[in-house]
C-alpha atoms as a PDB file:
ATOM      1  CA  MET A   1       8.129 -15.530  33.025  1.00  0.00           C
ATOM      2  CA  SER A   2       9.357 -13.683  30.115  1.00  0.00           C
ATOM      3  CA  LYS A   3      12.622 -11.600  30.095  1.00  0.00           C
ATOM      4  CA  ASP A   4      10.774  -8.882  28.950  1.00  0.00           C
ATOM      5  CA  THR A   5       8.213  -9.402  31.921  1.00  0.00           C
ATOM      6  CA  ARG A   6      11.575  -9.083  33.950  1.00  0.00           C
ATOM      7  CA  THR A   7      12.920  -6.368  33.456  1.00  0.00           C
ATOM      8  CA  ASP A   8       9.853  -4.710  33.277  1.00  0.00           C
ATOM      9  CA  LYS A   9       9.226  -5.733  36.838  1.00  0.00           C
ATOM     10  CA  ARG A  10      12.638  -5.030  38.202  1.00  0.00           C
ATOM     11  CA  LEU A  11      12.274  -1.772  36.403  1.00  0.00           C
ATOM     12  CA  GLU A  12       9.228  -0.846  38.487  1.00  0.00           C
ATOM     13  CA  TRP A  13      11.332  -1.885  41.495  1.00  0.00           C
ATOM     14  CA  LEU A  14      14.038  -0.135  41.013  1.00  0.00           C
ATOM     15  CA  ASN A  15      12.379   3.202  40.077  1.00  0.00           C
ATOM     16  CA  LYS A  16      10.362   2.956  43.285  1.00  0.00           C
ATOM     17  CA  PHE A  17      12.716   2.211  45.261  1.00  0.00           C
ATOM     18  CA  TYR A  18      15.191   4.917  43.844  1.00  0.00           C
ATOM     19  CA  MET A  19      12.725   7.421  44.702  1.00  0.00           C
ATOM     20  CA  GLY A  20      11.850   5.995  47.867  1.00  0.00           C
ATOM     21  CA  TYR A  21      16.069   6.719  48.453  1.00  0.00           C
ATOM     22  CA  MET A  22      15.877  10.573  46.987  1.00  0.00           C
ATOM     23  CA  ARG A  23      13.542  11.585  49.479  1.00  0.00           C
ATOM     24  CA  ASP A  24      15.474  10.638  52.409  1.00  0.00           C
ATOM     25  CA  VAL A  25      19.218  11.356  51.219  1.00  0.00           C
ATOM     26  CA  HIS A  26      20.940  12.469  54.474  1.00  0.00           C
ATOM     27  CA  SER A  27      24.734  11.120  53.467  1.00  0.00           C
ATOM     28  CA  ALA A  28      27.296  10.781  50.880  1.00  0.00           C
ATOM     29  CA  GLU A  29      26.951   6.890  50.830  1.00  0.00           C
ATOM     30  CA  ILE A  30      23.490   6.642  50.624  1.00  0.00           C
ATOM     31  CA  ALA A  31      23.406   9.754  47.773  1.00  0.00           C
ATOM     32  CA  GLN A  32      25.974   7.517  45.815  1.00  0.00           C
ATOM     33  CA  GLU A  33      23.833   4.095  46.628  1.00  0.00           C
ATOM     34  CA  ALA A  34      20.581   6.615  44.645  1.00  0.00           C
ATOM     35  CA  LEU A  35      23.309   7.640  41.857  1.00  0.00           C
ATOM     36  CA  SER A  36      24.168   3.428  41.161  1.00  0.00           C
ATOM     37  CA  MET A  37      20.523   2.805  41.394  1.00  0.00           C
ATOM     38  CA  ARG A  38      20.085   5.746  38.966  1.00  0.00           C
ATOM     39  CA  GLU A  39      22.569   4.172  36.459  1.00  0.00           C
ATOM     40  CA  GLU A  40      20.985   0.968  36.718  1.00  0.00           C
ATOM     41  CA  ILE A  41      17.456   2.183  35.801  1.00  0.00           C
ATOM     42  CA  ARG A  42      18.893   3.756  32.606  1.00  0.00           C
ATOM     43  CA  GLN A  43      20.744   0.776  31.307  1.00  0.00           C
ATOM     44  CA  LEU A  44      17.076  -1.422  32.031  1.00  0.00           C
ATOM     45  CA  ILE A  45      15.577   1.228  30.045  1.00  0.00           C
ATOM     46  CA  GLU A  46      17.898   1.222  27.478  1.00  0.00           C
ATOM     47  CA  GLN A  47      17.826  -2.576  27.273  1.00  0.00           C
ATOM     48  CA  SER A  48      14.014  -2.573  26.917  1.00  0.00           C
ATOM     49  CA  LYS A  49      13.780  -0.565  23.824  1.00  0.00           C
ATOM     50  CA  PRO A  50      13.893  -2.738  20.653  1.00  0.00           C
ATOM     51  CA  PRO A  51      17.292  -2.978  18.280  1.00  0.00           C
ATOM     52  CA  VAL A  52      17.115  -0.137  15.282  1.00  0.00           C
ATOM     53  CA  GLY A  53      16.061  -2.266  13.226  1.00  0.00           C
ATOM     54  CA  GLU A  54      13.072  -4.212  14.707  1.00  0.00           C
ATOM     55  CA  ARG A  55      12.094  -0.209  15.159  1.00  0.00           C
ATOM     56  CA  GLY A  56      12.162   0.227  11.862  1.00  0.00           C
ATOM     57  CA  GLU A  57      10.000  -2.815  10.923  1.00  0.00           C
ATOM     58  CA  GLU A  58       7.330  -1.889  13.957  1.00  0.00           C
ATOM     59  CA  LEU A  59       7.046   1.938  11.928  1.00  0.00           C
ATOM     60  CA  VAL A  60       6.749   0.169   8.419  1.00  0.00           C
ATOM     61  CA  ALA A  61       4.128  -2.160   9.622  1.00  0.00           C
ATOM     62  CA  GLU A  62       2.346   0.264  10.992  1.00  0.00           C
ATOM     63  CA  GLU A  63       2.283   2.600   8.187  1.00  0.00           C
ATOM     64  CA  LEU A  64       1.152  -0.166   5.886  1.00  0.00           C
ATOM     65  CA  ARG A  65      -2.006  -0.827   8.406  1.00  0.00           C
ATOM     66  CA  LYS A  66      -2.916   2.707   8.041  1.00  0.00           C
ATOM     67  CA  ARG A  67      -3.087   1.879   4.105  1.00  0.00           C
ATOM     68  CA  GLU A  68      -5.316  -0.674   4.842  1.00  0.00           C
ATOM     69  CA  PHE A  69      -2.507  -3.642   4.043  1.00  0.00           C
ATOM     70  CA  GLU A  70      -2.846  -6.747   6.225  1.00  0.00           C
ATOM     71  CA  VAL A  71       0.750  -7.173   7.550  1.00  0.00           C
ATOM     72  CA  ARG A  72       2.914 -10.577   8.052  1.00  0.00           C
ATOM     73  CA  ASN A  73       6.247 -10.183  10.150  1.00  0.00           C
ATOM     74  CA  LEU A  74       8.459 -12.869   8.791  1.00  0.00           C
ATOM     75  CA  GLY A  75      10.503 -13.423  12.014  1.00  0.00           C
ATOM     76  CA  LYS A  76      14.352 -12.982  12.127  1.00  0.00           C
ATOM     77  CA  ALA A  77      15.259 -16.804   9.760  1.00  0.00           C
ATOM     78  CA  ARG A  78      14.312 -14.669   6.534  1.00  0.00           C
ATOM     79  CA  TYR A  79      15.946 -12.127   3.621  1.00  0.00           C
ATOM     80  CA  TYR A  80      12.720 -10.181   3.983  1.00  0.00           C
ATOM     81  CA  ASP A  81      11.346  -8.926   6.698  1.00  0.00           C
ATOM     82  CA  LEU A  82       7.152  -8.439   5.679  1.00  0.00           C
ATOM     83  CA  ILE A  83       4.363  -9.691   3.716  1.00  0.00           C
ATOM     84  CA  ALA A  84       2.456  -6.700   2.899  1.00  0.00           C
ATOM     85  CA  LYS A  85      -1.281  -7.812   1.227  1.00  0.00           C
ATOM     86  CA  LYS A  86      -4.221  -6.160   0.052  1.00  0.00           C
ATOM     87  CA  GLY A  87      -7.028  -7.739  -2.153  1.00  0.00           C
ATOM     88  CA  ASN A  88      -5.507 -10.655  -3.701  1.00  0.00           C
ATOM     89  CA  LYS A  89      -1.771  -9.048  -4.170  1.00  0.00           C
ATOM     90  CA  GLU A  90       0.964  -9.890  -2.135  1.00  0.00           C
ATOM     91  CA  THR A  91       4.632  -7.953  -1.826  1.00  0.00           C
ATOM     92  CA  TRP A  92       7.603  -9.365  -0.075  1.00  0.00           C
ATOM     93  CA  VAL A  93       9.107  -6.027   2.035  1.00  0.00           C
ATOM     94  CA  GLN A  94      12.841  -5.797   3.027  1.00  0.00           C
ATOM     95  CA  VAL A  95      13.587  -2.475   5.593  1.00  0.00           C
ATOM     96  CA  LYS A  96      16.464  -1.275   6.169  1.00  0.00           C
ATOM     97  CA  THR A  97      16.470   1.169   9.272  1.00  0.00           C
ATOM     98  CA  VAL A  98      19.245   3.797  10.782  1.00  0.00           C
ATOM     99  CA  LYS A  99      19.351   6.287  13.760  1.00  0.00           C
ATOM    100  CA  SER A 100      21.821   8.243  12.332  1.00  0.00           C
ATOM    101  CA  GLY A 101      24.692   8.156   8.760  1.00  0.00           C
ATOM    102  CA  ASP A 102      24.416   6.446   5.947  1.00  0.00           C
ATOM    103  CA  PHE A 103      22.511   2.703   5.146  1.00  0.00           C
ATOM    104  CA  GLN A 104      25.307   0.472   4.717  1.00  0.00           C
ATOM    105  CA  LEU A 105      24.720  -2.429   2.144  1.00  0.00           C
ATOM    106  CA  GLN A 106      26.984  -5.042   0.379  1.00  0.00           C
ATOM    107  CA  ALA A 107      27.625  -4.463  -3.728  1.00  0.00           C
ATOM    108  CA  ILE A 108      27.973  -7.882  -4.263  1.00  0.00           C
ATOM    109  CA  LYS A 109      24.604  -8.838  -3.643  1.00  0.00           C
ATOM    110  CA  PHE A 110      23.454  -6.693  -6.386  1.00  0.00           C
ATOM    111  CA  LEU A 111      26.649  -6.528  -8.588  1.00  0.00           C
ATOM    112  CA  LYS A 112      29.144  -8.892 -10.181  1.00  0.00           C
ATOM    113  CA  ILE A 113      32.451  -8.000  -9.344  1.00  0.00           C
ATOM    114  CA  ASP A 114      35.884  -9.762 -10.491  1.00  0.00           C
ATOM    115  CA  ILE A 115      39.096  -8.396  -8.404  1.00  0.00           C
ATOM    116  CA  ILE A 116      42.214  -8.596 -10.786  1.00  0.00           C
ATOM    117  CA  ASP A 117      45.815  -7.379  -9.478  1.00  0.00           C
ATOM    118  CA  GLY A 118      43.683  -5.770  -5.935  1.00  0.00           C
ATOM    119  CA  LYS A 119      41.545  -4.005  -8.314  1.00  0.00           C
ATOM    120  CA  GLN A 120      37.902  -4.486  -8.438  1.00  0.00           C
ATOM    121  CA  ALA A 121      36.134  -4.451 -11.703  1.00  0.00           C
ATOM    122  CA  VAL A 122      31.817  -4.500 -12.240  1.00  0.00           C
ATOM    123  CA  LYS A 123      31.073  -6.653 -14.766  1.00  0.00           C
ATOM    124  CA  GLY A 124      27.209  -6.264 -14.496  1.00  0.00           C
ATOM    125  CA  LYS A 125      24.526  -6.810 -12.403  1.00  0.00           C
ATOM    126  CA  GLN A 126      23.548  -9.880 -10.423  1.00  0.00           C
ATOM    127  CA  PRO A 127      20.481 -11.688 -12.092  1.00  0.00           C
ATOM    128  CA  PRO A 128      17.174 -10.519 -11.572  1.00  0.00           C
ATOM    129  CA  ILE A 129      15.772 -11.751  -8.532  1.00  0.00           C
ATOM    130  CA  ASP A 130      12.635 -10.896  -6.898  1.00  0.00           C
ATOM    131  CA  GLN A 131      13.070  -7.434  -8.455  1.00  0.00           C
ATOM    132  CA  GLU A 132       9.630  -6.392  -7.668  1.00  0.00           C
ATOM    133  CA  SER A 133       9.682  -6.665  -3.962  1.00  0.00           C
ATOM    134  CA  VAL A 134      10.293  -3.351  -2.112  1.00  0.00           C
ATOM    135  CA  TRP A 135      12.674  -1.701  -0.142  1.00  0.00           C
ATOM    136  CA  VAL A 136      11.867   0.922   2.991  1.00  0.00           C
ATOM    137  CA  PHE A 137      14.818   2.803   4.095  1.00  0.00           C
ATOM    138  CA  VAL A 138      13.496   4.018   7.363  1.00  0.00           C
ATOM    139  CA  LYS A 139      16.001   7.084   9.207  1.00  0.00           C
ATOM    140  CA  LEU A 140      14.471   7.257  12.593  1.00  0.00           C
ATOM    141  CA  ALA A 141      13.647  11.118  13.643  1.00  0.00           C
ATOM    142  CA  GLU A 142      11.269  13.348  14.372  1.00  0.00           C
ATOM    143  CA  PRO A 143       9.250  12.821  12.104  1.00  0.00           C
ATOM    144  CA  ASN A 144      10.292   9.493  10.774  1.00  0.00           C
ATOM    145  CA  GLU A 145      11.461   9.090   7.463  1.00  0.00           C
ATOM    146  CA  PHE A 146      10.338   6.884   4.971  1.00  0.00           C
ATOM    147  CA  TYR A 147      12.051   5.642   1.307  1.00  0.00           C
ATOM    148  CA  LEU A 148      10.330   3.321  -0.826  1.00  0.00           C
ATOM    149  CA  LEU A 149      12.141   1.745  -3.848  1.00  0.00           C
ATOM    150  CA  ARG A 150      11.934  -1.405  -5.519  1.00  0.00           C
ATOM    151  CA  LYS A 151      14.625  -4.136  -5.546  1.00  0.00           C
ATOM    152  CA  GLY A 152      15.319  -3.111  -9.170  1.00  0.00           C
ATOM    153  CA  GLU A 153      15.701   0.443  -8.439  1.00  0.00           C
ATOM    154  CA  VAL A 154      18.268  -0.039  -5.629  1.00  0.00           C
ATOM    155  CA  GLN A 155      20.269  -2.451  -7.645  1.00  0.00           C
ATOM    156  CA  ASP A 156      20.247   0.302 -10.818  1.00  0.00           C
ATOM    157  CA  PHE A 157      21.188   2.715  -7.925  1.00  0.00           C
ATOM    158  CA  VAL A 158      24.520   0.740  -6.658  1.00  0.00           C
ATOM    159  CA  PHE A 159      24.941  -0.204  -9.643  1.00  0.00           C
ATOM    160  CA  ARG A 160      25.424   3.404 -11.035  1.00  0.00           C
ATOM    161  CA  ARG A 161      27.002   4.937  -8.008  1.00  0.00           C
ATOM    162  CA  TYR A 162      29.486   1.569  -7.268  1.00  0.00           C
ATOM    163  CA  SER A 163      30.469   2.138 -11.033  1.00  0.00           C
ATOM    164  CA  PHE A 164      31.154   5.969 -10.738  1.00  0.00           C
ATOM    165  CA  ASP A 165      32.902   5.552  -6.816  1.00  0.00           C
ATOM    166  CA  LEU A 166      35.431   2.682  -8.250  1.00  0.00           C
ATOM    167  CA  GLU A 167      36.185   4.646 -11.583  1.00  0.00           C
ATOM    168  CA  LYS A 168      37.258   7.590  -9.050  1.00  0.00           C
ATOM    169  CA  ILE A 169      39.759   5.785  -7.510  1.00  0.00           C
ATOM    170  CA  GLY A 170      40.896   2.981 -10.462  1.00  0.00           C
ATOM    171  CA  GLY A 171      39.378   0.312  -9.062  1.00  0.00           C
ATOM    172  CA  GLU A 172      41.265   0.463  -6.046  1.00  0.00           C
ATOM    173  CA  ARG A 173      39.727   0.192  -2.854  1.00  0.00           C
ATOM    174  CA  PRO A 174      42.068   1.985  -0.163  1.00  0.00           C
ATOM    175  CA  LYS A 175      41.391   0.052   2.916  1.00  0.00           C
ATOM    176  CA  ASN A 176      41.166  -3.454   1.830  1.00  0.00           C
ATOM    177  CA  ARG A 177      40.634  -5.044  -1.835  1.00  0.00           C
ATOM    178  CA  TYR A 178      38.099  -7.485  -0.634  1.00  0.00           C
ATOM    179  CA  SER A 179      35.690  -4.770   0.423  1.00  0.00           C
ATOM    180  CA  PHE A 180      32.116  -4.527  -1.056  1.00  0.00           C
ATOM    181  CA  HIS A 181      30.890  -2.424   1.625  1.00  0.00           C
ATOM    182  CA  HIS A 182      28.261   0.762   0.122  1.00  0.00           C
ATOM    183  CA  ALA A 183      27.125   3.253   1.794  1.00  0.00           C
ATOM    184  CA  ILE A 184      23.946   5.031   0.523  1.00  0.00           C
ATOM    185  CA  ALA A 185      23.214   8.855   2.177  1.00  0.00           C
ATOM    186  CA  VAL A 186      19.657   9.709   3.365  1.00  0.00           C
ATOM    187  CA  ARG A 187      19.766  12.531   0.805  1.00  0.00           C
ATOM    188  CA  ASP A 188      20.685  10.405  -2.215  1.00  0.00           C
ATOM    189  CA  LEU A 189      16.891   8.903  -2.112  1.00  0.00           C
ATOM    190  CA  LYS A 190      14.659  11.900  -1.332  1.00  0.00           C
ATOM    191  CA  GLU A 191      12.851  11.643  -5.023  1.00  0.00           C
ATOM    192  CA  TRP A 192      11.376   8.184  -3.293  1.00  0.00           C
ATOM    193  CA  LYS A 193      10.630   9.938   0.134  1.00  0.00           C
ATOM    194  CA  ASP A 194       6.823   8.615   0.843  1.00  0.00           C
ATOM    195  CA  ASN A 195       6.419   6.724  -1.746  1.00  0.00           C
ATOM    196  CA  TRP A 196       3.826   4.672  -0.602  1.00  0.00           C
ATOM    197  CA  LYS A 197       1.838   4.357  -4.121  1.00  0.00           C
ATOM    198  CA  ILE A 198       4.597   1.939  -5.436  1.00  0.00           C
ATOM    199  CA  LEU A 199       2.838  -0.970  -3.089  1.00  0.00           C
ATOM    200  CA  GLU A 200      -0.198  -0.240  -5.227  1.00  0.00           C
ATOM    201  CA  SER A 201       0.992  -0.565  -8.554  1.00  0.00           C
END
């Protein structure tokens, strides 16, 4: 029996037992036990939900299938998440997902950055690899939001923004000189929202 199956059965049993308790709460002790049981139910429900990243991949796969793409999930040990195929064309797809806040990237994966006397300087872009692959940024919301760019466009975006941000602070990262963290706000991706046609071109 898998872990998910055991969790589902435990959740089903707890829920039935809890409902039975709530029909016969006649003491503080039983009421407290019922509340503890409800908390365990809540925790099990949370544990049974897929992680944010996996949820994003599932949503992108669903959208691709709606558009008549064959979709293959590449599993956990990989750089890309999905392969989308239509006809003879295959596209490698990377999915980045957030529930709130900004998307988090490492600029060093896209840029050549030197550190001299504690200050960073962008010396150019990393060699082009898989520039035609597609990155899908997913914002979990009601409704969910999808922003689609080619990897080359993501690299260009990071190059412009990271260079600009470094210039503003004189190249000196305030907390950690060796940090290459770069955040992309959802609002900055609005021109690529629902850009599904990118997979057809």
